[in-house]
Amino acid sequence: MGVGDWIRSWPVYRQLADGDPLGRGDAVKSRASSALQPRTVTADRVVKSVCPFCAVGCGQNVSVQDGEVTQIEGDPDSPVSRGRLCPRGSSSLQLTTSPRRESTVRYRRPGGTEWENLDLTTAMDMIADRVIDSRRRGWQWEHEGKRVRRTMGFASLGGATLDNEENYLIKKLFTALGAVQIENQARI
C-alpha cells in the first residue's frame, strides 16, 4: 500500500473527499465493517419471548438457527420495553448457551461437603416425599377453635423469572396443598 492509498483509506480524507464532513455516512465505514452482517440474518426463525430476569416482562426476539439460539435482542413490538433490554436482559444469550450452565440435577446431602449428580426421576421423587412429609407434620385441622385445614409445614416464594401463567399454576398448587404463606418475589 503506497502513501496515496494510505491517505485515501484514512477516514478523515474520505469524509472530506466524499462530501461527508460530519462522518455520518459511508466515509467512516471500513472495508471490514462493510462486510459484516447481523447474526440475526442467518436465523431460521425468530421466536417471541419474555426476559426471565425480573417482573417487568420485557419482550425479547430469540433468533434460532439449526435448533440453536444464536441471538437474543429486545422486541421492538413489546409495549413494555419497546425493543430495549437492561444489562441483565442483554445477557440472556449467555444464560441459554453458556457451557457453564448446569444441565443435570445437583444434590448435596444434609451435612455433606460434595455435590453429586442425580437423575431427574430420583430428584422429583425426593421432592414429592419431602412435600408430603412436611405437609403431614405441619397440618392443622383447627386453630384457636376455628376450622382452618392448612399446613404450616412449608411456604412458597415464587420468582419473577417465571411468567404469569407459571406463577398462577404454582399459586393453585400450593393453595391446593393447604399452604398459607404464598408470596412472590415481585411483590417484596
N, C-alpha and C. Protein backbone atom coordinates (compact mmCIF):
# COMPACT_ATOMS: atom_id res chain seq x y z
N MET A 1 0.86 -1.17 0.00
CA MET A 1 0.00 0.00 0.00
C MET A 1 0.90 1.22 0.00
N GLY A 2 0.72 2.05 -1.01
CA GLY A 2 1.52 3.27 -1.12
C GLY A 2 0.97 4.37 -0.24
N VAL A 3 1.70 5.49 -0.23
CA VAL A 3 1.30 6.63 0.60
C VAL A 3 -0.05 7.17 0.14
N GLY A 4 -0.29 7.23 -1.16
CA GLY A 4 -1.57 7.72 -1.67
C GLY A 4 -2.73 6.83 -1.26
N ASP A 5 -2.50 5.49 -1.29
CA ASP A 5 -3.54 4.56 -0.86
C ASP A 5 -3.83 4.71 0.62
N TRP A 6 -2.78 4.90 1.39
CA TRP A 6 -2.96 5.06 2.83
C TRP A 6 -3.76 6.32 3.13
N ILE A 7 -3.48 7.39 2.47
CA ILE A 7 -4.21 8.65 2.71
C ILE A 7 -5.68 8.49 2.30
N ARG A 8 -5.92 7.82 1.14
CA ARG A 8 -7.30 7.62 0.69
C ARG A 8 -8.08 6.69 1.62
N SER A 9 -7.40 5.80 2.35
CA SER A 9 -8.09 4.90 3.27
C SER A 9 -8.33 5.56 4.64
N TRP A 10 -7.72 6.70 4.85
CA TRP A 10 -7.86 7.41 6.12
C TRP A 10 -9.28 7.99 6.21
N PRO A 11 -10.03 7.73 7.29
CA PRO A 11 -11.42 8.18 7.37
C PRO A 11 -11.60 9.69 7.21
N VAL A 12 -10.68 10.48 7.74
CA VAL A 12 -10.83 11.94 7.64
C VAL A 12 -10.76 12.37 6.18
N TYR A 13 -9.85 11.78 5.41
CA TYR A 13 -9.75 12.09 3.99
C TYR A 13 -11.04 11.71 3.28
N ARG A 14 -11.55 10.49 3.56
CA ARG A 14 -12.78 10.04 2.92
C ARG A 14 -13.96 10.94 3.28
N GLN A 15 -13.99 11.42 4.51
CA GLN A 15 -15.08 12.32 4.91
C GLN A 15 -15.07 13.58 4.06
N LEU A 16 -13.90 14.16 3.89
CA LEU A 16 -13.80 15.40 3.13
C LEU A 16 -13.98 15.16 1.64
N ALA A 17 -13.37 14.09 1.11
CA ALA A 17 -13.43 13.80 -0.33
C ALA A 17 -14.83 13.36 -0.76
N ASP A 18 -15.55 12.65 0.09
CA ASP A 18 -16.88 12.14 -0.28
C ASP A 18 -18.01 13.09 0.09
N GLY A 19 -17.68 14.26 0.59
CA GLY A 19 -18.72 15.22 0.96
C GLY A 19 -19.49 14.81 2.22
N ASP A 20 -18.80 14.18 3.15
CA ASP A 20 -19.42 13.72 4.39
C ASP A 20 -18.60 14.27 5.57
N PRO A 21 -18.55 15.61 5.74
CA PRO A 21 -17.64 16.19 6.74
C PRO A 21 -17.99 15.81 8.18
N LEU A 22 -19.24 15.45 8.47
CA LEU A 22 -19.61 15.08 9.83
C LEU A 22 -19.36 13.59 10.13
N GLY A 23 -19.00 12.84 9.11
CA GLY A 23 -18.67 11.43 9.31
C GLY A 23 -19.87 10.59 9.71
N ARG A 24 -20.99 10.78 9.03
CA ARG A 24 -22.19 10.01 9.36
C ARG A 24 -22.60 9.05 8.24
N GLY A 25 -21.82 8.92 7.22
CA GLY A 25 -22.21 8.08 6.09
C GLY A 25 -21.18 7.00 5.83
N ASP A 26 -21.04 6.67 4.54
CA ASP A 26 -20.14 5.60 4.12
C ASP A 26 -18.68 5.92 4.36
N ALA A 27 -18.34 7.18 4.50
CA ALA A 27 -16.94 7.57 4.65
C ALA A 27 -16.31 6.97 5.90
N VAL A 28 -17.06 6.72 6.91
CA VAL A 28 -16.48 6.22 8.16
C VAL A 28 -16.47 4.69 8.24
N LYS A 29 -17.03 4.03 7.24
CA LYS A 29 -17.04 2.57 7.26
C LYS A 29 -15.73 2.02 6.71
N SER A 30 -15.21 1.02 7.40
CA SER A 30 -14.02 0.33 6.89
C SER A 30 -14.47 -0.79 5.97
N ARG A 31 -13.54 -1.34 5.21
CA ARG A 31 -13.89 -2.46 4.34
C ARG A 31 -14.35 -3.65 5.18
N ALA A 32 -13.72 -3.85 6.34
CA ALA A 32 -14.09 -4.99 7.20
C ALA A 32 -15.50 -4.82 7.76
N SER A 33 -15.83 -3.61 8.22
CA SER A 33 -17.16 -3.42 8.80
C SER A 33 -18.25 -3.42 7.72
N SER A 34 -17.91 -3.07 6.50
CA SER A 34 -18.89 -3.12 5.41
C SER A 34 -19.30 -4.55 5.09
N ALA A 35 -18.39 -5.49 5.33
CA ALA A 35 -18.67 -6.90 5.02
C ALA A 35 -19.42 -7.60 6.14
N LEU A 36 -19.54 -6.97 7.30
CA LEU A 36 -20.23 -7.61 8.43
C LEU A 36 -21.73 -7.65 8.20
N GLN A 37 -22.37 -8.66 8.78
CA GLN A 37 -23.83 -8.74 8.75
C GLN A 37 -24.31 -9.17 10.14
N PRO A 38 -25.50 -8.79 10.49
CA PRO A 38 -26.02 -9.15 11.82
C PRO A 38 -26.17 -10.66 11.98
N ARG A 39 -26.05 -11.13 13.23
CA ARG A 39 -26.22 -12.56 13.49
C ARG A 39 -27.65 -13.01 13.22
N THR A 40 -28.58 -12.08 13.22
CA THR A 40 -29.99 -12.44 13.03
C THR A 40 -30.33 -12.74 11.58
N VAL A 41 -29.47 -12.34 10.65
CA VAL A 41 -29.75 -12.54 9.22
C VAL A 41 -29.80 -14.02 8.87
N THR A 42 -28.96 -14.83 9.50
CA THR A 42 -28.87 -16.25 9.16
C THR A 42 -29.84 -17.12 9.96
N ALA A 43 -30.67 -16.52 10.80
CA ALA A 43 -31.59 -17.29 11.64
C ALA A 43 -32.67 -17.96 10.80
N ASP A 44 -33.02 -19.20 11.19
CA ASP A 44 -34.12 -19.92 10.55
C ASP A 44 -35.45 -19.28 10.92
N ARG A 45 -35.56 -18.87 12.18
CA ARG A 45 -36.79 -18.25 12.66
C ARG A 45 -36.49 -17.37 13.86
N VAL A 46 -37.42 -16.47 14.13
CA VAL A 46 -37.33 -15.61 15.31
C VAL A 46 -38.54 -15.89 16.17
N VAL A 47 -38.29 -16.20 17.44
CA VAL A 47 -39.34 -16.57 18.38
C VAL A 47 -39.50 -15.45 19.39
N LYS A 48 -40.75 -15.07 19.65
CA LYS A 48 -41.04 -14.05 20.66
C LYS A 48 -40.93 -14.69 22.04
N SER A 49 -40.34 -13.96 22.98
CA SER A 49 -40.19 -14.46 24.33
C SER A 49 -40.25 -13.30 25.32
N VAL A 50 -40.12 -13.62 26.59
CA VAL A 50 -40.11 -12.63 27.65
C VAL A 50 -38.84 -12.83 28.45
N CYS A 51 -38.19 -11.74 28.83
CA CYS A 51 -36.96 -11.80 29.61
C CYS A 51 -37.22 -12.53 30.94
N PRO A 52 -36.33 -13.45 31.33
CA PRO A 52 -36.57 -14.24 32.53
C PRO A 52 -36.06 -13.63 33.83
N PHE A 53 -35.52 -12.43 33.81
CA PHE A 53 -34.80 -11.96 34.99
C PHE A 53 -35.62 -11.24 36.04
N CYS A 54 -36.59 -10.46 35.69
CA CYS A 54 -37.34 -9.73 36.72
C CYS A 54 -38.82 -9.69 36.36
N ALA A 55 -39.59 -8.98 37.13
CA ALA A 55 -41.04 -8.98 36.95
C ALA A 55 -41.53 -7.97 35.92
N VAL A 56 -40.63 -7.23 35.28
CA VAL A 56 -41.06 -6.22 34.32
C VAL A 56 -41.69 -6.87 33.09
N GLY A 57 -41.11 -7.94 32.59
CA GLY A 57 -41.67 -8.65 31.45
C GLY A 57 -41.28 -8.06 30.11
N CYS A 58 -40.04 -7.63 29.96
CA CYS A 58 -39.57 -7.07 28.70
C CYS A 58 -39.63 -8.13 27.59
N GLY A 59 -40.07 -7.70 26.41
CA GLY A 59 -40.17 -8.61 25.28
C GLY A 59 -38.81 -8.86 24.65
N GLN A 60 -38.62 -10.09 24.18
CA GLN A 60 -37.37 -10.46 23.52
C GLN A 60 -37.67 -11.17 22.20
N ASN A 61 -36.80 -10.95 21.23
CA ASN A 61 -36.80 -11.72 19.99
C ASN A 61 -35.64 -12.69 20.06
N VAL A 62 -35.93 -13.97 19.99
CA VAL A 62 -34.91 -15.01 20.10
C VAL A 62 -34.68 -15.58 18.70
N SER A 63 -33.48 -15.39 18.18
CA SER A 63 -33.12 -15.92 16.85
C SER A 63 -32.61 -17.35 17.01
N VAL A 64 -33.17 -18.24 16.19
CA VAL A 64 -32.82 -19.66 16.27
C VAL A 64 -32.33 -20.12 14.90
N GLN A 65 -31.19 -20.80 14.90
CA GLN A 65 -30.66 -21.37 13.66
C GLN A 65 -30.26 -22.81 13.93
N ASP A 66 -30.77 -23.73 13.15
CA ASP A 66 -30.49 -25.16 13.29
C ASP A 66 -30.79 -25.66 14.71
N GLY A 67 -31.86 -25.15 15.31
CA GLY A 67 -32.26 -25.60 16.63
C GLY A 67 -31.46 -24.99 17.77
N GLU A 68 -30.55 -24.09 17.47
CA GLU A 68 -29.71 -23.44 18.49
C GLU A 68 -30.04 -21.96 18.57
N VAL A 69 -30.05 -21.42 19.77
CA VAL A 69 -30.26 -19.98 19.96
C VAL A 69 -28.98 -19.27 19.54
N THR A 70 -29.11 -18.31 18.62
CA THR A 70 -27.92 -17.60 18.13
C THR A 70 -27.86 -16.14 18.58
N GLN A 71 -29.02 -15.57 18.92
CA GLN A 71 -29.04 -14.17 19.34
C GLN A 71 -30.34 -13.90 20.09
N ILE A 72 -30.27 -13.03 21.10
CA ILE A 72 -31.46 -12.58 21.82
C ILE A 72 -31.39 -11.06 21.89
N GLU A 73 -32.44 -10.41 21.37
CA GLU A 73 -32.49 -8.95 21.33
C GLU A 73 -33.82 -8.48 21.88
N GLY A 74 -33.89 -7.20 22.19
CA GLY A 74 -35.15 -6.61 22.63
C GLY A 74 -36.17 -6.63 21.51
N ASP A 75 -37.43 -6.84 21.86
CA ASP A 75 -38.52 -6.90 20.88
C ASP A 75 -39.10 -5.50 20.70
N PRO A 76 -38.91 -4.89 19.52
CA PRO A 76 -39.44 -3.54 19.30
C PRO A 76 -40.97 -3.48 19.33
N ASP A 77 -41.66 -4.63 19.17
CA ASP A 77 -43.12 -4.67 19.21
C ASP A 77 -43.67 -4.75 20.64
N SER A 78 -42.79 -4.94 21.62
CA SER A 78 -43.24 -5.08 23.01
C SER A 78 -43.69 -3.72 23.56
N PRO A 79 -44.91 -3.64 24.08
CA PRO A 79 -45.35 -2.38 24.67
C PRO A 79 -44.66 -2.10 26.00
N VAL A 80 -44.06 -3.11 26.59
CA VAL A 80 -43.39 -2.93 27.88
C VAL A 80 -42.02 -2.31 27.70
N SER A 81 -41.20 -2.88 26.83
CA SER A 81 -39.80 -2.45 26.72
C SER A 81 -39.46 -1.74 25.41
N ARG A 82 -40.35 -1.83 24.43
CA ARG A 82 -40.15 -1.16 23.13
C ARG A 82 -38.76 -1.41 22.53
N GLY A 83 -38.31 -2.66 22.62
CA GLY A 83 -37.05 -3.04 21.99
C GLY A 83 -35.82 -2.87 22.86
N ARG A 84 -35.99 -2.43 24.08
CA ARG A 84 -34.84 -2.20 24.95
C ARG A 84 -34.70 -3.34 25.96
N LEU A 85 -33.48 -3.62 26.35
CA LEU A 85 -33.20 -4.58 27.41
C LEU A 85 -32.17 -3.98 28.35
N CYS A 86 -32.32 -4.27 29.63
CA CYS A 86 -31.34 -3.82 30.61
C CYS A 86 -30.09 -4.71 30.48
N PRO A 87 -29.01 -4.42 31.20
CA PRO A 87 -27.81 -5.26 31.10
C PRO A 87 -28.07 -6.73 31.42
N ARG A 88 -28.92 -7.01 32.39
CA ARG A 88 -29.20 -8.42 32.70
C ARG A 88 -29.98 -9.07 31.56
N GLY A 89 -30.97 -8.36 31.02
CA GLY A 89 -31.75 -8.90 29.90
C GLY A 89 -30.88 -9.12 28.68
N SER A 90 -29.90 -8.23 28.49
CA SER A 90 -28.99 -8.37 27.35
C SER A 90 -28.09 -9.58 27.49
N SER A 91 -27.94 -10.09 28.72
CA SER A 91 -27.09 -11.27 28.93
C SER A 91 -27.87 -12.58 28.81
N SER A 92 -29.11 -12.53 28.35
CA SER A 92 -29.94 -13.73 28.24
C SER A 92 -29.31 -14.79 27.34
N LEU A 93 -28.59 -14.37 26.31
CA LEU A 93 -27.95 -15.35 25.43
C LEU A 93 -26.96 -16.20 26.21
N GLN A 94 -26.20 -15.57 27.10
CA GLN A 94 -25.25 -16.33 27.93
C GLN A 94 -25.97 -17.30 28.84
N LEU A 95 -27.15 -16.90 29.32
CA LEU A 95 -27.93 -17.77 30.20
C LEU A 95 -28.31 -19.06 29.48
N THR A 96 -28.62 -18.97 28.20
CA THR A 96 -29.09 -20.15 27.47
C THR A 96 -27.98 -20.95 26.81
N THR A 97 -26.87 -20.32 26.46
CA THR A 97 -25.86 -21.03 25.68
C THR A 97 -24.53 -21.23 26.38
N SER A 98 -24.38 -20.77 27.61
CA SER A 98 -23.10 -20.87 28.31
C SER A 98 -22.72 -22.33 28.54
N PRO A 99 -21.46 -22.68 28.27
CA PRO A 99 -21.03 -24.06 28.57
C PRO A 99 -20.97 -24.32 30.08
N ARG A 100 -21.03 -23.26 30.89
CA ARG A 100 -21.01 -23.42 32.35
C ARG A 100 -22.41 -23.63 32.93
N ARG A 101 -23.43 -23.61 32.10
CA ARG A 101 -24.79 -23.80 32.57
C ARG A 101 -25.00 -25.24 33.03
N GLU A 102 -25.55 -25.39 34.23
CA GLU A 102 -25.83 -26.73 34.76
C GLU A 102 -26.98 -27.35 33.98
N SER A 103 -26.82 -28.57 33.58
CA SER A 103 -27.88 -29.26 32.84
C SER A 103 -28.26 -30.57 33.51
N THR A 104 -27.72 -30.81 34.70
CA THR A 104 -28.07 -32.01 35.46
C THR A 104 -28.56 -31.57 36.84
N VAL A 105 -29.26 -32.47 37.51
CA VAL A 105 -29.70 -32.20 38.88
C VAL A 105 -28.51 -32.41 39.80
N ARG A 106 -28.20 -31.39 40.58
CA ARG A 106 -27.08 -31.47 41.53
C ARG A 106 -27.66 -31.51 42.94
N TYR A 107 -27.11 -32.37 43.80
CA TYR A 107 -27.65 -32.56 45.14
C TYR A 107 -26.50 -32.67 46.14
N ARG A 108 -26.66 -31.96 47.25
CA ARG A 108 -25.70 -32.09 48.34
C ARG A 108 -26.47 -32.58 49.56
N ARG A 109 -26.10 -33.74 50.03
CA ARG A 109 -26.81 -34.35 51.16
C ARG A 109 -26.64 -33.50 52.42
N PRO A 110 -27.62 -33.56 53.33
CA PRO A 110 -27.50 -32.80 54.59
C PRO A 110 -26.20 -33.14 55.31
N GLY A 111 -25.45 -32.12 55.66
CA GLY A 111 -24.16 -32.31 56.32
C GLY A 111 -23.03 -32.66 55.37
N GLY A 112 -23.35 -32.84 54.11
CA GLY A 112 -22.33 -33.23 53.13
C GLY A 112 -21.50 -32.04 52.68
N THR A 113 -20.37 -32.33 52.07
CA THR A 113 -19.49 -31.28 51.56
C THR A 113 -19.31 -31.37 50.05
N GLU A 114 -19.82 -32.43 49.44
CA GLU A 114 -19.65 -32.63 48.00
C GLU A 114 -21.01 -32.70 47.31
N TRP A 115 -21.05 -32.20 46.07
CA TRP A 115 -22.25 -32.29 45.25
C TRP A 115 -22.22 -33.60 44.48
N GLU A 116 -23.40 -34.16 44.24
CA GLU A 116 -23.50 -35.37 43.43
C GLU A 116 -24.60 -35.17 42.38
N ASN A 117 -24.48 -35.89 41.29
CA ASN A 117 -25.49 -35.84 40.24
C ASN A 117 -26.60 -36.83 40.57
N LEU A 118 -27.84 -36.39 40.34
CA LEU A 118 -29.00 -37.27 40.49
C LEU A 118 -29.76 -37.29 39.18
N ASP A 119 -30.41 -38.43 38.91
CA ASP A 119 -31.28 -38.44 37.74
C ASP A 119 -32.57 -37.70 38.12
N LEU A 120 -33.26 -37.19 37.12
CA LEU A 120 -34.43 -36.34 37.35
C LEU A 120 -35.54 -37.08 38.10
N THR A 121 -35.77 -38.34 37.79
CA THR A 121 -36.82 -39.11 38.46
C THR A 121 -36.56 -39.22 39.96
N THR A 122 -35.33 -39.52 40.32
CA THR A 122 -34.96 -39.61 41.73
C THR A 122 -35.16 -38.28 42.44
N ALA A 123 -34.73 -37.20 41.81
CA ALA A 123 -34.87 -35.87 42.41
C ALA A 123 -36.34 -35.50 42.59
N MET A 124 -37.17 -35.77 41.60
CA MET A 124 -38.60 -35.46 41.69
C MET A 124 -39.26 -36.28 42.80
N ASP A 125 -38.89 -37.56 42.91
CA ASP A 125 -39.44 -38.41 43.98
C ASP A 125 -39.02 -37.89 45.36
N MET A 126 -37.78 -37.44 45.49
CA MET A 126 -37.31 -36.89 46.76
C MET A 126 -38.11 -35.64 47.14
N ILE A 127 -38.35 -34.77 46.15
CA ILE A 127 -39.11 -33.55 46.42
C ILE A 127 -40.54 -33.89 46.82
N ALA A 128 -41.18 -34.80 46.11
CA ALA A 128 -42.56 -35.19 46.42
C ALA A 128 -42.65 -35.80 47.82
N ASP A 129 -41.71 -36.67 48.17
CA ASP A 129 -41.71 -37.27 49.51
C ASP A 129 -41.57 -36.21 50.59
N ARG A 130 -40.70 -35.24 50.37
CA ARG A 130 -40.48 -34.19 51.37
C ARG A 130 -41.69 -33.26 51.49
N VAL A 131 -42.34 -32.96 50.37
CA VAL A 131 -43.55 -32.12 50.43
C VAL A 131 -44.65 -32.85 51.21
N ILE A 132 -44.86 -34.13 50.90
CA ILE A 132 -45.90 -34.90 51.59
C ILE A 132 -45.60 -34.99 53.08
N ASP A 133 -44.34 -35.26 53.44
CA ASP A 133 -43.97 -35.37 54.85
C ASP A 133 -44.13 -34.03 55.58
N SER A 134 -43.67 -32.94 54.97
CA SER A 134 -43.80 -31.61 55.59
C SER A 134 -45.26 -31.22 55.75
N ARG A 135 -46.06 -31.54 54.76
CA ARG A 135 -47.50 -31.23 54.83
C ARG A 135 -48.14 -32.00 55.96
N ARG A 136 -47.83 -33.27 56.08
CA ARG A 136 -48.43 -34.10 57.13
C ARG A 136 -48.00 -33.62 58.52
N ARG A 137 -46.71 -33.34 58.70
CA ARG A 137 -46.22 -32.92 60.01
C ARG A 137 -46.69 -31.52 60.39
N GLY A 138 -46.93 -30.65 59.43
CA GLY A 138 -47.35 -29.28 59.73
C GLY A 138 -48.84 -29.03 59.58
N TRP A 139 -49.63 -30.10 59.36
CA TRP A 139 -51.06 -29.93 59.09
C TRP A 139 -51.82 -29.50 60.34
N GLN A 140 -52.75 -28.56 60.16
CA GLN A 140 -53.64 -28.09 61.22
C GLN A 140 -55.08 -28.20 60.72
N TRP A 141 -55.89 -28.96 61.46
CA TRP A 141 -57.32 -29.01 61.14
C TRP A 141 -58.02 -27.81 61.73
N GLU A 142 -57.60 -27.45 62.94
CA GLU A 142 -58.22 -26.32 63.64
C GLU A 142 -57.14 -25.47 64.26
N HIS A 143 -57.48 -24.20 64.45
CA HIS A 143 -56.59 -23.28 65.15
C HIS A 143 -57.45 -22.31 65.95
N GLU A 144 -57.18 -22.30 67.26
CA GLU A 144 -57.95 -21.46 68.19
C GLU A 144 -59.45 -21.66 68.02
N GLY A 145 -59.84 -22.94 67.89
CA GLY A 145 -61.25 -23.29 67.80
C GLY A 145 -61.89 -23.08 66.44
N LYS A 146 -61.15 -22.61 65.47
CA LYS A 146 -61.70 -22.40 64.12
C LYS A 146 -61.15 -23.45 63.17
N ARG A 147 -61.99 -23.91 62.27
CA ARG A 147 -61.57 -24.88 61.26
C ARG A 147 -60.72 -24.16 60.20
N VAL A 148 -59.46 -24.58 60.04
CA VAL A 148 -58.56 -23.89 59.10
C VAL A 148 -58.08 -24.79 57.97
N ARG A 149 -57.93 -26.08 58.20
CA ARG A 149 -57.45 -27.03 57.19
C ARG A 149 -56.30 -26.45 56.38
N ARG A 150 -55.15 -26.35 57.01
CA ARG A 150 -53.98 -25.75 56.37
C ARG A 150 -52.72 -26.45 56.86
N THR A 151 -51.64 -26.18 56.18
CA THR A 151 -50.34 -26.66 56.64
C THR A 151 -49.45 -25.47 56.91
N MET A 152 -48.71 -25.58 57.99
CA MET A 152 -47.70 -24.57 58.32
C MET A 152 -46.32 -25.17 58.07
N GLY A 153 -46.29 -26.31 57.37
CA GLY A 153 -45.05 -27.05 57.15
C GLY A 153 -44.17 -26.52 56.04
N PHE A 154 -44.72 -25.73 55.14
CA PHE A 154 -43.92 -25.15 54.06
C PHE A 154 -44.59 -23.90 53.54
N ALA A 155 -43.83 -23.16 52.78
CA ALA A 155 -44.32 -21.92 52.17
C ALA A 155 -43.80 -21.87 50.74
N SER A 156 -44.28 -20.92 49.98
CA SER A 156 -43.82 -20.76 48.60
C SER A 156 -43.37 -19.33 48.38
N LEU A 157 -42.20 -19.18 47.84
CA LEU A 157 -41.72 -17.87 47.40
C LEU A 157 -41.45 -17.98 45.92
N GLY A 158 -42.36 -17.48 45.10
CA GLY A 158 -42.22 -17.54 43.65
C GLY A 158 -41.21 -16.52 43.17
N GLY A 159 -40.70 -16.73 42.00
CA GLY A 159 -39.70 -15.84 41.43
C GLY A 159 -40.23 -15.09 40.23
N ALA A 160 -39.63 -13.96 39.98
CA ALA A 160 -40.06 -13.14 38.86
C ALA A 160 -39.51 -13.67 37.54
N THR A 161 -38.67 -14.70 37.59
CA THR A 161 -38.20 -15.28 36.34
C THR A 161 -39.27 -16.17 35.73
N LEU A 162 -40.32 -16.45 36.48
CA LEU A 162 -41.43 -17.23 35.95
C LEU A 162 -42.44 -16.28 35.32
N ASP A 163 -43.14 -16.74 34.32
CA ASP A 163 -44.16 -15.88 33.72
C ASP A 163 -45.46 -15.97 34.51
N ASN A 164 -46.44 -15.17 34.13
CA ASN A 164 -47.70 -15.11 34.87
C ASN A 164 -48.40 -16.46 34.95
N GLU A 165 -48.39 -17.21 33.87
CA GLU A 165 -49.08 -18.50 33.85
C GLU A 165 -48.42 -19.47 34.82
N GLU A 166 -47.09 -19.50 34.84
CA GLU A 166 -46.39 -20.40 35.76
C GLU A 166 -46.66 -20.01 37.21
N ASN A 167 -46.61 -18.71 37.50
CA ASN A 167 -46.89 -18.27 38.87
C ASN A 167 -48.33 -18.59 39.26
N TYR A 168 -49.26 -18.46 38.35
CA TYR A 168 -50.66 -18.80 38.62
C TYR A 168 -50.79 -20.28 38.99
N LEU A 169 -50.14 -21.15 38.21
CA LEU A 169 -50.22 -22.59 38.49
C LEU A 169 -49.55 -22.95 39.81
N ILE A 170 -48.44 -22.29 40.13
CA ILE A 170 -47.77 -22.54 41.41
C ILE A 170 -48.68 -22.11 42.56
N LYS A 171 -49.34 -20.96 42.41
CA LYS A 171 -50.27 -20.49 43.44
C LYS A 171 -51.40 -21.50 43.63
N LYS A 172 -51.95 -22.01 42.54
CA LYS A 172 -53.02 -23.01 42.64
C LYS A 172 -52.52 -24.28 43.33
N LEU A 173 -51.32 -24.74 42.98
CA LEU A 173 -50.77 -25.96 43.57
C LEU A 173 -50.60 -25.80 45.08
N PHE A 174 -49.94 -24.71 45.50
CA PHE A 174 -49.69 -24.53 46.93
C PHE A 174 -50.97 -24.28 47.71
N THR A 175 -51.95 -23.62 47.11
CA THR A 175 -53.24 -23.44 47.77
C THR A 175 -53.92 -24.79 47.94
N ALA A 176 -53.87 -25.63 46.90
CA ALA A 176 -54.47 -26.96 46.98
C ALA A 176 -53.76 -27.84 48.01
N LEU A 177 -52.46 -27.63 48.20
CA LEU A 177 -51.72 -28.39 49.21
C LEU A 177 -52.00 -27.89 50.62
N GLY A 178 -52.66 -26.73 50.74
CA GLY A 178 -53.01 -26.20 52.04
C GLY A 178 -52.04 -25.17 52.59
N ALA A 179 -51.10 -24.72 51.78
CA ALA A 179 -50.13 -23.72 52.25
C ALA A 179 -50.81 -22.38 52.45
N VAL A 180 -50.33 -21.65 53.44
CA VAL A 180 -50.87 -20.32 53.73
C VAL A 180 -49.91 -19.24 53.25
N GLN A 181 -48.63 -19.46 53.47
CA GLN A 181 -47.63 -18.46 53.11
C GLN A 181 -47.23 -18.65 51.65
N ILE A 182 -47.89 -17.92 50.78
CA ILE A 182 -47.59 -17.98 49.35
C ILE A 182 -47.30 -16.56 48.90
N GLU A 183 -46.09 -16.33 48.46
CA GLU A 183 -45.67 -14.97 48.12
C GLU A 183 -44.87 -15.02 46.83
N ASN A 184 -44.65 -13.86 46.24
CA ASN A 184 -43.86 -13.77 45.03
C ASN A 184 -42.83 -12.68 45.20
N GLN A 185 -41.66 -12.94 44.70
CA GLN A 185 -40.53 -12.02 44.82
C GLN A 185 -40.85 -10.65 44.22
N ALA A 186 -41.71 -10.60 43.23
CA ALA A 186 -42.02 -9.34 42.57
C ALA A 186 -42.77 -8.39 43.49
N ARG A 187 -43.46 -8.91 44.49
CA ARG A 187 -44.21 -8.05 45.43
C ARG A 187 -43.38 -7.61 46.62
N ILE A 188 -42.27 -8.26 46.84
CA ILE A 188 -41.46 -7.97 48.04
C ILE A 188 -40.58 -6.77 47.82
